[in-house]
Amino acid sequence: MSQVTTIVITDPELLAKLAAANGQIIFRTPTGDTVKTAEVVANGTPPPRVKSPISDEEFEEARKQPDGLPLSEVWKRIHERYGQ
């Protein structure tokens, strides 16, 4: 699991810019040097580089089942494909 760093921003102008941002955000120093980059993603949406371990076909098949898949079966499939 990746590390999470929380930074609290109190500047209303900066907060408004961040709230309106789309796509990639590049944080720069006053001299123009890049400090960090971030990417805007919708809540609950994995970043573009992350691939789901469950295929679209498997999701569709699970949706057809009245009760879906038990969590134990989901974990079993993940472990079979990607190891522990």
Protein backbone atom coordinates (compact mmCIF):
# COMPACT_ATOMS: atom_id res chain seq x y z
CA MET A 1 0.00 0.00 0.00
CA SER A 2 1.33 3.43 -0.87
CA GLN A 3 2.06 6.11 1.67
CA VAL A 4 -0.39 8.99 2.01
CA THR A 5 0.75 12.49 2.90
CA THR A 6 -1.85 15.04 4.00
CA ILE A 7 -1.17 18.73 3.50
CA VAL A 8 -3.74 21.26 4.73
CA ILE A 9 -4.22 24.26 2.44
CA THR A 10 -5.71 27.38 3.99
CA ASP A 11 -5.21 29.83 1.10
CA PRO A 12 -8.71 30.34 -0.42
CA GLU A 13 -7.33 31.29 -3.84
CA LEU A 14 -5.18 28.17 -4.04
CA LEU A 15 -8.06 26.00 -2.83
CA ALA A 16 -10.28 27.41 -5.58
CA LYS A 17 -7.61 26.69 -8.23
CA LEU A 18 -7.20 23.12 -7.01
CA ALA A 19 -10.97 22.55 -6.85
CA ALA A 20 -11.33 23.72 -10.47
CA ALA A 21 -8.38 21.68 -11.78
CA ASN A 22 -8.80 18.84 -14.25
CA GLY A 23 -6.24 16.27 -15.37
CA GLN A 24 -2.67 16.51 -14.17
CA ILE A 25 -1.62 19.19 -11.66
CA ILE A 26 2.01 20.32 -11.55
CA PHE A 27 3.23 22.01 -8.38
CA ARG A 28 6.10 24.41 -9.05
CA THR A 29 8.39 26.64 -7.01
CA PRO A 30 8.37 30.41 -7.65
CA THR A 31 11.36 29.86 -9.97
CA GLY A 32 9.48 27.27 -12.03
CA ASP A 33 11.08 24.09 -10.74
CA THR A 34 8.67 21.15 -10.49
CA VAL A 35 8.12 19.98 -6.93
CA LYS A 36 5.44 17.31 -7.42
CA THR A 37 2.71 16.29 -9.80
CA ALA A 38 -0.75 14.99 -8.99
CA GLU A 39 -3.57 13.63 -11.08
CA VAL A 40 -7.26 14.39 -10.57
CA VAL A 41 -9.45 11.29 -10.45
CA ALA A 42 -13.11 10.91 -9.58
CA ASN A 43 -13.90 9.54 -6.13
CA GLY A 44 -13.96 5.78 -6.27
CA THR A 45 -12.12 5.67 -9.58
CA PRO A 46 -8.66 4.11 -9.67
CA PRO A 47 -5.87 6.05 -11.36
CA PRO A 48 -5.51 5.35 -15.10
CA ARG A 49 -2.44 3.14 -14.60
CA VAL A 50 -4.23 0.77 -12.21
CA LYS A 51 -5.78 -2.31 -13.81
CA SER A 52 -8.55 -4.17 -12.04
CA PRO A 53 -7.74 -7.79 -11.17
CA ILE A 54 -11.32 -8.67 -12.17
CA SER A 55 -12.08 -8.48 -15.90
CA ASP A 56 -15.10 -6.63 -17.30
CA GLU A 57 -16.53 -9.98 -18.36
CA GLU A 58 -16.25 -11.31 -14.80
CA PHE A 59 -17.99 -8.20 -13.46
CA GLU A 60 -20.80 -8.68 -15.96
CA GLU A 61 -21.13 -12.36 -15.03
CA ALA A 62 -21.23 -11.44 -11.33
CA ARG A 63 -23.96 -8.86 -12.01
CA LYS A 64 -26.10 -11.62 -13.57
CA GLN A 65 -25.92 -13.69 -10.40
CA PRO A 66 -28.60 -12.76 -7.86
CA ASP A 67 -26.13 -12.63 -4.98
CA GLY A 68 -22.92 -11.75 -6.87
CA LEU A 69 -19.71 -13.44 -5.77
CA PRO A 70 -18.84 -14.14 -2.16
CA LEU A 71 -15.86 -12.13 -0.99
CA SER A 72 -13.97 -15.37 -0.35
CA GLU A 73 -14.32 -16.25 -4.06
CA VAL A 74 -13.08 -12.81 -5.11
CA TRP A 75 -10.01 -13.15 -2.87
CA LYS A 76 -9.42 -16.69 -4.13
CA ARG A 77 -9.37 -15.46 -7.75
CA ILE A 78 -7.07 -12.58 -6.91
CA HIS A 79 -4.64 -14.89 -5.11
CA GLU A 80 -4.74 -17.40 -7.97
CA ARG A 81 -3.84 -14.72 -10.50
CA TYR A 82 -1.42 -12.56 -8.55
CA GLY A 83 -0.16 -14.69 -5.69
CA GLN A 84 -0.29 -13.72 -2.08
